[in-house]
Amino acid sequence: MIIDLRSDTVTCPTKGMMEAIMKAEVGDDVYKEDPTVNALEEKLASLFGMDSALFFPTGSMANQAAIKLHTQPGEQLICDQWAHVYNYEGGGVSFNSGVSCKLIIGNRGMITADQVAENINPPDFYHSPLTSLVCLENTTNKGGGACYDFEEIKKVKQVCDSHGLGFHLDGARLFNALVATGHDAKAYGKVFDTISICLSKGLGTPMGSVLIGKKELMEKAIRVRKILGGGMRQLGFMAAAGIYALDHHVERLSEDHRKAKELGKRLSELDAVSHVEPIETNIVIFKMHDDGQSFIDKLAAEGIRISGMGDGLLRIVTHLDYTDAMHEKMLSVLGA
């Protein structure tokens, strides 16, 4: 038994999802003639109460397209120092859009409205980049699956509106946040200009993300997707997986959250572990007294895979394919 807890991207389609894929009605999405893709986009736009949606092959491409829609070369976006758009998208902010990042030291990957306001460059000071966009991430990846307080998000929106800034959400694991907090999806649609939703993480599809947003921005999104190489043809097979995931895999995210918290509790009882970050969703980040390699090796000997993050920080991510039997074994190994 291999127990892979490196990420929630390691899942395989369920039987029901495979049936949906095989039965999908498809067309050519470059011509916008794939009915299943169109249905997925309409479903997500409606769910968040936003004008339009567009399917992308990856979350990074969806984020990069959103940044391109909001900015011009030479401008600057504001984000947390741990933001995915800065750390894990290959320098795409600068390469694709010619934009720099003003990095804020937040709390577990989350920044406040006051911090945003303090870091906006004066628009009439032409020596500094023009601030044009604020990017948040919910849940936070490097922040251990932390969830924003929605009241703080609304405060950030007020700052953006008062300064004429775009507001984008990297919502790769937004459904984890919605399930954990009980927040309303349409409330997010009212606040953000654009939101990227990943279907291949907690929701368990083989690929795909969807960018949803306001009409005036999204009218340009398909051109940007084409420029980035994201035009796809008979995409309905993957869109069918996305529709199935939205219908069957959202509420069950609470199971992943429960298991993550149980793992965190067990880890906190180990002498070798110095600290476990607070756990709200499906990500467990913990620090070892040493570099953590011996712990990784011990688990690997039991067929268990986890991620090292450097400096003794390790990460576990629970997911759709992490079964109850695997969970019991994991708890047993941690207790040995």
C-alpha atoms as a PDB file:
ATOM      1  CA  MET A   1       0.000   0.000   0.000  1.00  0.00           C
ATOM      2  CA  ILE A   2       1.477   3.321  -1.123  1.00  0.00           C
ATOM      3  CA  ILE A   3       0.122   6.293   0.820  1.00  0.00           C
ATOM      4  CA  ASP A   4       0.907   9.455  -1.126  1.00  0.00           C
ATOM      5  CA  LEU A   5       0.344  12.586   0.948  1.00  0.00           C
ATOM      6  CA  ARG A   6       2.641  14.945  -0.943  1.00  0.00           C
ATOM      7  CA  SER A   7      -0.283  16.848  -2.470  1.00  0.00           C
ATOM      8  CA  ASP A   8      -3.979  16.627  -3.272  1.00  0.00           C
ATOM      9  CA  THR A   9      -3.017  16.592  -6.973  1.00  0.00           C
ATOM     10  CA  VAL A  10      -2.025  12.905  -6.871  1.00  0.00           C
ATOM     11  CA  THR A  11      -5.584  11.540  -7.083  1.00  0.00           C
ATOM     12  CA  CYS A  12      -7.043   9.404  -9.859  1.00  0.00           C
ATOM     13  CA  PRO A  13     -10.587   9.753 -11.270  1.00  0.00           C
ATOM     14  CA  THR A  14     -13.251   7.803  -9.407  1.00  0.00           C
ATOM     15  CA  LYS A  15     -15.418   5.246 -11.193  1.00  0.00           C
ATOM     16  CA  GLY A  16     -18.275   7.730 -11.418  1.00  0.00           C
ATOM     17  CA  MET A  17     -15.990  10.404 -12.796  1.00  0.00           C
ATOM     18  CA  MET A  18     -14.611   8.020 -15.418  1.00  0.00           C
ATOM     19  CA  GLU A  19     -18.149   7.194 -16.528  1.00  0.00           C
ATOM     20  CA  ALA A  20     -18.915  10.902 -16.855  1.00  0.00           C
ATOM     21  CA  ILE A  21     -15.736  11.386 -18.907  1.00  0.00           C
ATOM     22  CA  MET A  22     -16.577   8.507 -21.236  1.00  0.00           C
ATOM     23  CA  LYS A  23     -20.135   9.746 -21.819  1.00  0.00           C
ATOM     24  CA  ALA A  24     -19.232  13.395 -22.370  1.00  0.00           C
ATOM     25  CA  GLU A  25     -20.563  15.203 -25.413  1.00  0.00           C
ATOM     26  CA  VAL A  26     -17.675  17.105 -26.964  1.00  0.00           C
ATOM     27  CA  GLY A  27     -16.915  19.668 -29.635  1.00  0.00           C
ATOM     28  CA  ASP A  28     -14.075  22.041 -30.494  1.00  0.00           C
ATOM     29  CA  ASP A  29     -13.545  24.421 -27.587  1.00  0.00           C
ATOM     30  CA  VAL A  30     -11.275  26.754 -29.585  1.00  0.00           C
ATOM     31  CA  TYR A  31     -14.441  27.542 -31.552  1.00  0.00           C
ATOM     32  CA  LYS A  32     -16.367  27.559 -28.244  1.00  0.00           C
ATOM     33  CA  GLU A  33     -18.403  24.646 -29.603  1.00  0.00           C
ATOM     34  CA  ASP A  34     -17.804  22.098 -26.845  1.00  0.00           C
ATOM     35  CA  PRO A  35     -21.159  21.830 -25.027  1.00  0.00           C
ATOM     36  CA  THR A  36     -19.727  20.216 -21.915  1.00  0.00           C
ATOM     37  CA  VAL A  37     -17.063  22.904 -21.495  1.00  0.00           C
ATOM     38  CA  ASN A  38     -19.715  25.565 -21.970  1.00  0.00           C
ATOM     39  CA  ALA A  39     -21.880  23.858 -19.340  1.00  0.00           C
ATOM     40  CA  LEU A  40     -18.994  23.745 -16.842  1.00  0.00           C
ATOM     41  CA  GLU A  41     -18.186  27.412 -17.387  1.00  0.00           C
ATOM     42  CA  GLU A  42     -21.840  28.406 -17.021  1.00  0.00           C
ATOM     43  CA  LYS A  43     -22.153  26.269 -13.879  1.00  0.00           C
ATOM     44  CA  LEU A  44     -19.228  27.938 -12.120  1.00  0.00           C
ATOM     45  CA  ALA A  45     -20.135  31.452 -13.251  1.00  0.00           C
ATOM     46  CA  SER A  46     -23.643  30.901 -11.886  1.00  0.00           C
ATOM     47  CA  LEU A  47     -22.385  29.350  -8.647  1.00  0.00           C
ATOM     48  CA  PHE A  48     -20.316  32.452  -7.865  1.00  0.00           C
ATOM     49  CA  GLY A  49     -22.801  34.907  -9.369  1.00  0.00           C
ATOM     50  CA  MET A  50     -20.216  36.199 -11.843  1.00  0.00           C
ATOM     51  CA  ASP A  51     -20.617  37.157 -15.487  1.00  0.00           C
ATOM     52  CA  SER A  52     -18.382  34.723 -17.307  1.00  0.00           C
ATOM     53  CA  ALA A  53     -15.949  31.801 -16.973  1.00  0.00           C
ATOM     54  CA  LEU A  54     -13.209  30.221 -19.076  1.00  0.00           C
ATOM     55  CA  PHE A  55     -11.571  26.802 -18.768  1.00  0.00           C
ATOM     56  CA  PHE A  56      -7.756  26.698 -18.528  1.00  0.00           C
ATOM     57  CA  PRO A  57      -5.429  23.674 -18.545  1.00  0.00           C
ATOM     58  CA  THR A  58      -3.707  24.727 -15.294  1.00  0.00           C
ATOM     59  CA  GLY A  59      -4.184  26.954 -12.291  1.00  0.00           C
ATOM     60  CA  SER A  60      -0.927  28.752 -12.997  1.00  0.00           C
ATOM     61  CA  MET A  61      -2.123  29.690 -16.476  1.00  0.00           C
ATOM     62  CA  ALA A  62      -5.460  30.892 -15.105  1.00  0.00           C
ATOM     63  CA  ASN A  63      -3.687  33.088 -12.552  1.00  0.00           C
ATOM     64  CA  GLN A  64      -1.240  34.382 -15.126  1.00  0.00           C
ATOM     65  CA  ALA A  65      -4.061  35.245 -17.499  1.00  0.00           C
ATOM     66  CA  ALA A  66      -5.882  37.111 -14.721  1.00  0.00           C
ATOM     67  CA  ILE A  67      -2.753  39.142 -13.942  1.00  0.00           C
ATOM     68  CA  LYS A  68      -2.395  39.959 -17.649  1.00  0.00           C
ATOM     69  CA  LEU A  69      -6.021  41.126 -17.783  1.00  0.00           C
ATOM     70  CA  HIS A  70      -5.575  43.442 -14.800  1.00  0.00           C
ATOM     71  CA  THR A  71      -2.165  45.008 -15.520  1.00  0.00           C
ATOM     72  CA  GLN A  72       0.162  46.666 -17.996  1.00  0.00           C
ATOM     73  CA  PRO A  73       3.951  46.134 -18.271  1.00  0.00           C
ATOM     74  CA  GLY A  74       5.900  48.107 -15.690  1.00  0.00           C
ATOM     75  CA  GLU A  75       3.110  48.012 -13.112  1.00  0.00           C
ATOM     76  CA  GLN A  76       3.070  46.204  -9.778  1.00  0.00           C
ATOM     77  CA  LEU A  77       0.792  43.835  -7.904  1.00  0.00           C
ATOM     78  CA  ILE A  78       0.551  43.362  -4.149  1.00  0.00           C
ATOM     79  CA  CYS A  79       0.556  39.887  -2.614  1.00  0.00           C
ATOM     80  CA  ASP A  80       1.775  37.952   0.397  1.00  0.00           C
ATOM     81  CA  GLN A  81       5.413  36.830   0.384  1.00  0.00           C
ATOM     82  CA  TRP A  82       4.219  33.204   0.253  1.00  0.00           C
ATOM     83  CA  ALA A  83       1.767  33.716  -2.618  1.00  0.00           C
ATOM     84  CA  HIS A  84       1.584  31.005  -5.259  1.00  0.00           C
ATOM     85  CA  VAL A  85       1.648  33.600  -8.058  1.00  0.00           C
ATOM     86  CA  TYR A  86       5.084  34.698  -6.833  1.00  0.00           C
ATOM     87  CA  ASN A  87       6.665  31.462  -5.577  1.00  0.00           C
ATOM     88  CA  TYR A  88       5.336  28.666  -7.775  1.00  0.00           C
ATOM     89  CA  GLU A  89       4.502  30.003 -11.222  1.00  0.00           C
ATOM     90  CA  GLY A  90       7.967  30.118 -12.734  1.00  0.00           C
ATOM     91  CA  GLY A  91       8.387  33.880 -12.615  1.00  0.00           C
ATOM     92  CA  GLY A  92       5.386  34.242 -14.889  1.00  0.00           C
ATOM     93  CA  VAL A  93       4.320  37.554 -13.367  1.00  0.00           C
ATOM     94  CA  SER A  94       7.411  39.229 -14.807  1.00  0.00           C
ATOM     95  CA  PHE A  95       7.814  37.031 -17.902  1.00  0.00           C
ATOM     96  CA  ASN A  96       4.207  37.100 -19.115  1.00  0.00           C
ATOM     97  CA  SER A  97       3.024  40.496 -17.935  1.00  0.00           C
ATOM     98  CA  GLY A  98       6.165  42.547 -17.251  1.00  0.00           C
ATOM     99  CA  VAL A  99       4.857  43.184 -13.748  1.00  0.00           C
ATOM    100  CA  SER A 100       6.681  43.182 -10.398  1.00  0.00           C
ATOM    101  CA  CYS A 101       5.404  41.984  -7.024  1.00  0.00           C
ATOM    102  CA  LYS A 102       5.289  44.034  -3.827  1.00  0.00           C
ATOM    103  CA  LEU A 103       5.620  41.293  -1.205  1.00  0.00           C
ATOM    104  CA  ILE A 104       3.940  41.650   2.176  1.00  0.00           C
ATOM    105  CA  ILE A 105       4.860  39.675   5.281  1.00  0.00           C
ATOM    106  CA  GLY A 106       1.440  38.421   6.269  1.00  0.00           C
ATOM    107  CA  ASN A 107       0.131  35.842   8.712  1.00  0.00           C
ATOM    108  CA  ARG A 108       0.260  32.311   7.299  1.00  0.00           C
ATOM    109  CA  GLY A 109       0.009  33.668   3.777  1.00  0.00           C
ATOM    110  CA  MET A 110      -2.801  36.118   4.542  1.00  0.00           C
ATOM    111  CA  ILE A 111      -2.533  39.901   4.362  1.00  0.00           C
ATOM    112  CA  THR A 112      -4.724  42.622   5.838  1.00  0.00           C
ATOM    113  CA  ALA A 113      -6.438  45.659   4.376  1.00  0.00           C
ATOM    114  CA  ASP A 114      -4.164  47.941   6.399  1.00  0.00           C
ATOM    115  CA  GLN A 115      -1.089  46.232   4.960  1.00  0.00           C
ATOM    116  CA  VAL A 116      -2.435  46.613   1.429  1.00  0.00           C
ATOM    117  CA  ALA A 117      -3.120  50.313   1.976  1.00  0.00           C
ATOM    118  CA  GLU A 118       0.382  50.867   3.357  1.00  0.00           C
ATOM    119  CA  ASN A 119       2.009  49.243   0.321  1.00  0.00           C
ATOM    120  CA  ILE A 120       0.247  51.062  -2.513  1.00  0.00           C
ATOM    121  CA  ASN A 121       2.739  53.213  -4.390  1.00  0.00           C
ATOM    122  CA  PRO A 122       1.711  56.879  -4.819  1.00  0.00           C
ATOM    123  CA  PRO A 123       0.208  57.019  -8.328  1.00  0.00           C
ATOM    124  CA  ASP A 124       1.767  60.412  -9.067  1.00  0.00           C
ATOM    125  CA  PHE A 125       5.277  59.277  -8.063  1.00  0.00           C
ATOM    126  CA  TYR A 126       6.519  58.066 -11.434  1.00  0.00           C
ATOM    127  CA  HIS A 127       9.795  56.720 -10.028  1.00  0.00           C
ATOM    128  CA  SER A 128       8.016  53.682  -8.539  1.00  0.00           C
ATOM    129  CA  PRO A 129       5.859  51.103 -10.329  1.00  0.00           C
ATOM    130  CA  LEU A 130       2.173  51.917 -10.574  1.00  0.00           C
ATOM    131  CA  THR A 131       0.213  49.654  -8.219  1.00  0.00           C
ATOM    132  CA  SER A 132      -2.673  48.144 -10.202  1.00  0.00           C
ATOM    133  CA  LEU A 133      -3.661  44.799  -8.650  1.00  0.00           C
ATOM    134  CA  VAL A 134      -4.029  42.970  -5.346  1.00  0.00           C
ATOM    135  CA  CYS A 135      -3.849  39.164  -5.316  1.00  0.00           C
ATOM    136  CA  LEU A 136      -5.079  37.060  -2.409  1.00  0.00           C
ATOM    137  CA  GLU A 137      -4.895  33.280  -2.018  1.00  0.00           C
ATOM    138  CA  ASN A 138      -7.569  31.233  -0.235  1.00  0.00           C
ATOM    139  CA  THR A 139      -6.789  28.753   1.151  1.00  0.00           C
ATOM    140  CA  THR A 140      -3.099  29.569   1.476  1.00  0.00           C
ATOM    141  CA  ASN A 141      -0.717  26.885   0.213  1.00  0.00           C
ATOM    142  CA  LYS A 142       2.499  27.702   2.076  1.00  0.00           C
ATOM    143  CA  GLY A 143       0.355  28.996   4.938  1.00  0.00           C
ATOM    144  CA  GLY A 144      -0.882  25.476   5.651  1.00  0.00           C
ATOM    145  CA  GLY A 145      -4.390  25.665   4.242  1.00  0.00           C
ATOM    146  CA  ALA A 146      -5.352  28.747   6.236  1.00  0.00           C
ATOM    147  CA  CYS A 147      -8.676  30.435   5.456  1.00  0.00           C
ATOM    148  CA  TYR A 148      -9.233  34.178   5.209  1.00  0.00           C
ATOM    149  CA  ASP A 149     -11.768  35.917   7.428  1.00  0.00           C
ATOM    150  CA  PHE A 150     -14.279  37.136   4.851  1.00  0.00           C
ATOM    151  CA  GLU A 151     -14.752  40.400   6.717  1.00  0.00           C
ATOM    152  CA  GLU A 152     -11.052  41.144   6.129  1.00  0.00           C
ATOM    153  CA  ILE A 153     -11.468  40.313   2.439  1.00  0.00           C
ATOM    154  CA  LYS A 154     -14.269  42.893   2.236  1.00  0.00           C
ATOM    155  CA  LYS A 155     -11.979  45.460   3.861  1.00  0.00           C
ATOM    156  CA  VAL A 156      -9.283  44.737   1.278  1.00  0.00           C
ATOM    157  CA  LYS A 157     -11.919  45.208  -1.432  1.00  0.00           C
ATOM    158  CA  GLN A 158     -12.751  48.644  -0.015  1.00  0.00           C
ATOM    159  CA  VAL A 159      -9.071  49.609  -0.235  1.00  0.00           C
ATOM    160  CA  CYS A 160      -8.924  48.350  -3.828  1.00  0.00           C
ATOM    161  CA  ASP A 161     -12.015  50.306  -4.805  1.00  0.00           C
ATOM    162  CA  SER A 162     -10.804  53.522  -3.189  1.00  0.00           C
ATOM    163  CA  HIS A 163      -7.502  53.299  -5.088  1.00  0.00           C
ATOM    164  CA  GLY A 164      -8.818  51.921  -8.383  1.00  0.00           C
ATOM    165  CA  LEU A 165      -7.035  48.563  -8.048  1.00  0.00           C
ATOM    166  CA  GLY A 166      -8.021  45.225  -9.535  1.00  0.00           C
ATOM    167  CA  PHE A 167      -8.789  42.403  -7.098  1.00  0.00           C
ATOM    168  CA  HIS A 168      -7.921  38.794  -7.991  1.00  0.00           C
ATOM    169  CA  LEU A 169      -8.327  35.636  -5.912  1.00  0.00           C
ATOM    170  CA  ASP A 170      -6.124  32.597  -6.421  1.00  0.00           C
ATOM    171  CA  GLY A 171      -8.834  30.183  -5.330  1.00  0.00           C
ATOM    172  CA  ALA A 172      -6.980  26.964  -6.106  1.00  0.00           C
ATOM    173  CA  ARG A 173      -8.440  25.455  -2.934  1.00  0.00           C
ATOM    174  CA  LEU A 174     -11.353  27.849  -2.506  1.00  0.00           C
ATOM    175  CA  PHE A 175     -13.857  25.030  -2.097  1.00  0.00           C
ATOM    176  CA  ASN A 176     -11.853  23.804   0.898  1.00  0.00           C
ATOM    177  CA  ALA A 177     -12.275  27.266   2.387  1.00  0.00           C
ATOM    178  CA  LEU A 178     -15.990  27.389   1.587  1.00  0.00           C
ATOM    179  CA  VAL A 179     -16.606  24.017   3.231  1.00  0.00           C
ATOM    180  CA  ALA A 180     -14.472  24.833   6.281  1.00  0.00           C
ATOM    181  CA  THR A 181     -15.941  28.280   6.922  1.00  0.00           C
ATOM    182  CA  GLY A 182     -19.470  28.014   5.549  1.00  0.00           C
ATOM    183  CA  HIS A 183     -18.914  31.135   3.445  1.00  0.00           C
ATOM    184  CA  ASP A 184     -21.203  31.750   0.462  1.00  0.00           C
ATOM    185  CA  ALA A 185     -19.702  31.391  -3.017  1.00  0.00           C
ATOM    186  CA  LYS A 186     -21.789  34.265  -4.373  1.00  0.00           C
ATOM    187  CA  ALA A 187     -20.374  36.571  -1.696  1.00  0.00           C
ATOM    188  CA  TYR A 188     -16.933  35.939  -3.204  1.00  0.00           C
ATOM    189  CA  GLY A 189     -18.304  36.709  -6.652  1.00  0.00           C
ATOM    190  CA  LYS A 190     -19.525  40.091  -5.459  1.00  0.00           C
ATOM    191  CA  VAL A 191     -16.157  41.068  -3.987  1.00  0.00           C
ATOM    192  CA  PHE A 192     -13.532  39.868  -6.470  1.00  0.00           C
ATOM    193  CA  ASP A 193     -13.042  40.975 -10.065  1.00  0.00           C
ATOM    194  CA  THR A 194     -11.573  37.587 -11.046  1.00  0.00           C
ATOM    195  CA  ILE A 195     -11.280  34.217  -9.298  1.00  0.00           C
ATOM    196  CA  SER A 196      -9.337  31.151 -10.404  1.00  0.00           C
ATOM    197  CA  ILE A 197     -10.752  27.780  -9.341  1.00  0.00           C
ATOM    198  CA  CYS A 198      -8.640  24.603  -9.515  1.00  0.00           C
ATOM    199  CA  LEU A 199     -10.495  21.367 -10.265  1.00  0.00           C
ATOM    200  CA  SER A 200      -7.495  19.030  -9.951  1.00  0.00           C
ATOM    201  CA  LYS A 201      -6.628  19.574  -6.289  1.00  0.00           C
ATOM    202  CA  GLY A 202      -9.230  18.828  -3.612  1.00  0.00           C
ATOM    203  CA  LEU A 203     -11.934  18.152  -6.197  1.00  0.00           C
ATOM    204  CA  GLY A 204      -9.936  15.321  -7.749  1.00  0.00           C
ATOM    205  CA  THR A 205     -10.119  15.844 -11.519  1.00  0.00           C
ATOM    206  CA  PRO A 206      -7.220  14.879 -13.812  1.00  0.00           C
ATOM    207  CA  MET A 207      -6.616  18.472 -14.945  1.00  0.00           C
ATOM    208  CA  GLY A 208      -8.058  21.905 -15.296  1.00  0.00           C
ATOM    209  CA  SER A 209      -8.837  25.247 -13.706  1.00  0.00           C
ATOM    210  CA  VAL A 210     -11.523  27.807 -14.467  1.00  0.00           C
ATOM    211  CA  LEU A 211     -11.157  31.581 -14.380  1.00  0.00           C
ATOM    212  CA  ILE A 212     -14.376  33.403 -13.544  1.00  0.00           C
ATOM    213  CA  GLY A 213     -14.891  37.135 -13.517  1.00  0.00           C
ATOM    214  CA  LYS A 214     -16.536  40.335 -14.628  1.00  0.00           C
ATOM    215  CA  LYS A 215     -17.613  40.652 -18.258  1.00  0.00           C
ATOM    216  CA  GLU A 216     -15.361  43.589 -19.142  1.00  0.00           C
ATOM    217  CA  LEU A 217     -12.275  41.606 -18.102  1.00  0.00           C
ATOM    218  CA  MET A 218     -13.334  38.153 -19.285  1.00  0.00           C
ATOM    219  CA  GLU A 219     -14.075  39.355 -22.829  1.00  0.00           C
ATOM    220  CA  LYS A 220     -10.297  39.531 -23.271  1.00  0.00           C
ATOM    221  CA  ALA A 221      -9.521  36.275 -21.428  1.00  0.00           C
ATOM    222  CA  ILE A 222      -9.847  33.917 -24.389  1.00  0.00           C
ATOM    223  CA  ARG A 223      -7.297  35.954 -26.369  1.00  0.00           C
ATOM    224  CA  VAL A 224      -4.848  35.867 -23.451  1.00  0.00           C
ATOM    225  CA  ARG A 225      -5.395  32.118 -23.063  1.00  0.00           C
ATOM    226  CA  LYS A 226      -4.554  31.660 -26.752  1.00  0.00           C
ATOM    227  CA  ILE A 227      -1.387  33.745 -26.400  1.00  0.00           C
ATOM    228  CA  LEU A 228      -0.311  31.600 -23.442  1.00  0.00           C
ATOM    229  CA  GLY A 229      -0.885  28.425 -25.462  1.00  0.00           C
ATOM    230  CA  GLY A 230      -4.015  27.340 -23.627  1.00  0.00           C
ATOM    231  CA  GLY A 231      -6.381  26.768 -26.551  1.00  0.00           C
ATOM    232  CA  MET A 232      -7.739  23.203 -26.367  1.00  0.00           C
ATOM    233  CA  ARG A 233      -9.964  21.161 -28.645  1.00  0.00           C
ATOM    234  CA  GLN A 234     -12.237  18.316 -27.478  1.00  0.00           C
ATOM    235  CA  LEU A 235     -11.946  19.435 -23.896  1.00  0.00           C
ATOM    236  CA  GLY A 236     -15.391  18.236 -22.876  1.00  0.00           C
ATOM    237  CA  PHE A 237     -13.973  14.992 -21.494  1.00  0.00           C
ATOM    238  CA  MET A 238     -12.111  16.935 -18.819  1.00  0.00           C
ATOM    239  CA  ALA A 239     -14.967  19.400 -18.352  1.00  0.00           C
ATOM    240  CA  ALA A 240     -17.248  16.447 -17.609  1.00  0.00           C
ATOM    241  CA  ALA A 241     -14.849  15.442 -14.850  1.00  0.00           C
ATOM    242  CA  GLY A 242     -15.103  18.985 -13.479  1.00  0.00           C
ATOM    243  CA  ILE A 243     -18.910  18.944 -13.493  1.00  0.00           C
ATOM    244  CA  TYR A 244     -18.896  15.562 -11.766  1.00  0.00           C
ATOM    245  CA  ALA A 245     -16.471  16.858  -9.123  1.00  0.00           C
ATOM    246  CA  LEU A 246     -18.615  19.909  -8.404  1.00  0.00           C
ATOM    247  CA  ASP A 247     -21.672  17.679  -7.999  1.00  0.00           C
ATOM    248  CA  HIS A 248     -20.054  14.919  -5.914  1.00  0.00           C
ATOM    249  CA  HIS A 249     -16.723  15.975  -4.374  1.00  0.00           C
ATOM    250  CA  VAL A 250     -17.333  19.280  -2.606  1.00  0.00           C
ATOM    251  CA  GLU A 251     -19.091  18.333   0.623  1.00  0.00           C
ATOM    252  CA  ARG A 252     -16.743  15.389   1.167  1.00  0.00           C
ATOM    253  CA  LEU A 253     -13.849  17.836   1.562  1.00  0.00           C
ATOM    254  CA  SER A 254     -14.810  17.942   5.243  1.00  0.00           C
ATOM    255  CA  GLU A 255     -13.521  14.351   5.499  1.00  0.00           C
ATOM    256  CA  ASP A 256     -10.096  15.494   4.300  1.00  0.00           C
ATOM    257  CA  HIS A 257     -10.163  18.293   6.871  1.00  0.00           C
ATOM    258  CA  ARG A 258     -11.051  15.883   9.691  1.00  0.00           C
ATOM    259  CA  LYS A 259      -8.257  13.499   8.794  1.00  0.00           C
ATOM    260  CA  ALA A 260      -5.741  16.337   8.542  1.00  0.00           C
ATOM    261  CA  LYS A 261      -6.649  17.532  12.031  1.00  0.00           C
ATOM    262  CA  GLU A 262      -6.326  14.011  13.419  1.00  0.00           C
ATOM    263  CA  LEU A 263      -2.896  13.672  11.842  1.00  0.00           C
ATOM    264  CA  GLY A 264      -1.906  17.033  13.267  1.00  0.00           C
ATOM    265  CA  LYS A 265      -2.966  15.971  16.745  1.00  0.00           C
ATOM    266  CA  ARG A 266      -0.905  12.779  16.506  1.00  0.00           C
ATOM    267  CA  LEU A 267       2.120  14.686  15.192  1.00  0.00           C
ATOM    268  CA  SER A 268       1.922  17.197  18.039  1.00  0.00           C
ATOM    269  CA  GLU A 269       2.363  14.313  20.482  1.00  0.00           C
ATOM    270  CA  LEU A 270       5.711  13.245  18.961  1.00  0.00           C
ATOM    271  CA  ASP A 271       8.915  14.329  20.692  1.00  0.00           C
ATOM    272  CA  ALA A 272      10.640  14.700  17.314  1.00  0.00           C
ATOM    273  CA  VAL A 273       8.130  17.354  16.226  1.00  0.00           C
ATOM    274  CA  SER A 274       8.724  20.837  17.576  1.00  0.00           C
ATOM    275  CA  HIS A 275       5.628  22.543  16.204  1.00  0.00           C
ATOM    276  CA  VAL A 276       2.471  21.871  14.179  1.00  0.00           C
ATOM    277  CA  GLU A 277       0.853  24.804  12.382  1.00  0.00           C
ATOM    278  CA  PRO A 278      -2.872  25.399  13.028  1.00  0.00           C
ATOM    279  CA  ILE A 279      -4.967  23.142  10.783  1.00  0.00           C
ATOM    280  CA  GLU A 280      -8.165  24.431   9.181  1.00  0.00           C
ATOM    281  CA  THR A 281      -8.437  22.404   5.990  1.00  0.00           C
ATOM    282  CA  ASN A 282      -6.474  19.588   4.336  1.00  0.00           C
ATOM    283  CA  ILE A 283      -2.864  20.784   4.685  1.00  0.00           C
ATOM    284  CA  VAL A 284      -0.644  19.926   7.647  1.00  0.00           C
ATOM    285  CA  ILE A 285       2.662  21.764   7.995  1.00  0.00           C
ATOM    286  CA  PHE A 286       4.920  20.832  10.892  1.00  0.00           C
ATOM    287  CA  LYS A 287       8.490  21.481  11.973  1.00  0.00           C
ATOM    288  CA  MET A 288      11.005  18.908  13.170  1.00  0.00           C
ATOM    289  CA  HIS A 289      13.799  19.510  15.676  1.00  0.00           C
ATOM    290  CA  ASP A 290      16.252  18.381  12.965  1.00  0.00           C
ATOM    291  CA  ASP A 291      16.152  18.702   9.170  1.00  0.00           C
ATOM    292  CA  GLY A 292      13.342  16.140   8.971  1.00  0.00           C
ATOM    293  CA  GLN A 293      15.056  13.783   6.527  1.00  0.00           C
ATOM    294  CA  SER A 294      15.141  10.841   8.946  1.00  0.00           C
ATOM    295  CA  PHE A 295      11.395  11.254   9.514  1.00  0.00           C
ATOM    296  CA  ILE A 296      10.763  11.335   5.757  1.00  0.00           C
ATOM    297  CA  ASP A 297      12.890   8.188   5.365  1.00  0.00           C
ATOM    298  CA  LYS A 298      11.053   6.407   8.187  1.00  0.00           C
ATOM    299  CA  LEU A 299       7.701   7.056   6.530  1.00  0.00           C
ATOM    300  CA  ALA A 300       9.060   6.107   3.100  1.00  0.00           C
ATOM    301  CA  ALA A 301      10.071   2.716   4.494  1.00  0.00           C
ATOM    302  CA  GLU A 302       6.391   2.218   5.328  1.00  0.00           C
ATOM    303  CA  GLY A 303       5.278   3.237   1.828  1.00  0.00           C
ATOM    304  CA  ILE A 304       4.252   6.733   2.929  1.00  0.00           C
ATOM    305  CA  ARG A 305       5.235   9.796   0.900  1.00  0.00           C
ATOM    306  CA  ILE A 306       5.230  13.336   2.289  1.00  0.00           C
ATOM    307  CA  SER A 307       6.901  16.600   1.234  1.00  0.00           C
ATOM    308  CA  GLY A 308       9.949  18.339   2.656  1.00  0.00           C
ATOM    309  CA  MET A 309       9.836  22.141   2.517  1.00  0.00           C
ATOM    310  CA  GLY A 310      13.338  22.855   3.814  1.00  0.00           C
ATOM    311  CA  ASP A 311      14.625  23.971   7.226  1.00  0.00           C
ATOM    312  CA  GLY A 312      12.945  21.030   8.951  1.00  0.00           C
ATOM    313  CA  LEU A 313       9.460  21.933   7.687  1.00  0.00           C
ATOM    314  CA  LEU A 314       7.416  19.019   6.372  1.00  0.00           C
ATOM    315  CA  ARG A 315       4.007  18.936   4.691  1.00  0.00           C
ATOM    316  CA  ILE A 316       1.138  16.448   4.534  1.00  0.00           C
ATOM    317  CA  VAL A 317      -1.928  16.944   2.329  1.00  0.00           C
ATOM    318  CA  THR A 318      -5.038  14.772   2.681  1.00  0.00           C
ATOM    319  CA  HIS A 319      -7.221  14.103  -0.351  1.00  0.00           C
ATOM    320  CA  LEU A 320      -9.864  12.056  -2.148  1.00  0.00           C
ATOM    321  CA  ASP A 321      -7.697   8.942  -2.541  1.00  0.00           C
ATOM    322  CA  TYR A 322      -6.533   8.916   1.089  1.00  0.00           C
ATOM    323  CA  THR A 323      -8.819   6.165   2.350  1.00  0.00           C
ATOM    324  CA  ASP A 324      -9.924   5.327   5.880  1.00  0.00           C
ATOM    325  CA  ALA A 325      -7.639   2.265   5.816  1.00  0.00           C
ATOM    326  CA  MET A 326      -4.688   4.446   4.808  1.00  0.00           C
ATOM    327  CA  HIS A 327      -5.565   6.882   7.553  1.00  0.00           C
ATOM    328  CA  GLU A 328      -5.572   4.159  10.190  1.00  0.00           C
ATOM    329  CA  LYS A 329      -2.201   2.927   8.991  1.00  0.00           C
ATOM    330  CA  MET A 330      -0.794   6.449   9.003  1.00  0.00           C
ATOM    331  CA  LEU A 331      -1.978   7.050  12.555  1.00  0.00           C
ATOM    332  CA  SER A 332      -0.509   3.715  13.581  1.00  0.00           C
ATOM    333  CA  VAL A 333       2.862   4.465  12.008  1.00  0.00           C
ATOM    334  CA  LEU A 334       2.971   7.889  13.664  1.00  0.00           C
ATOM    335  CA  GLY A 335       2.177   6.284  16.982  1.00  0.00           C
ATOM    336  CA  ALA A 336       4.887   3.646  16.699  1.00  0.00           C
END
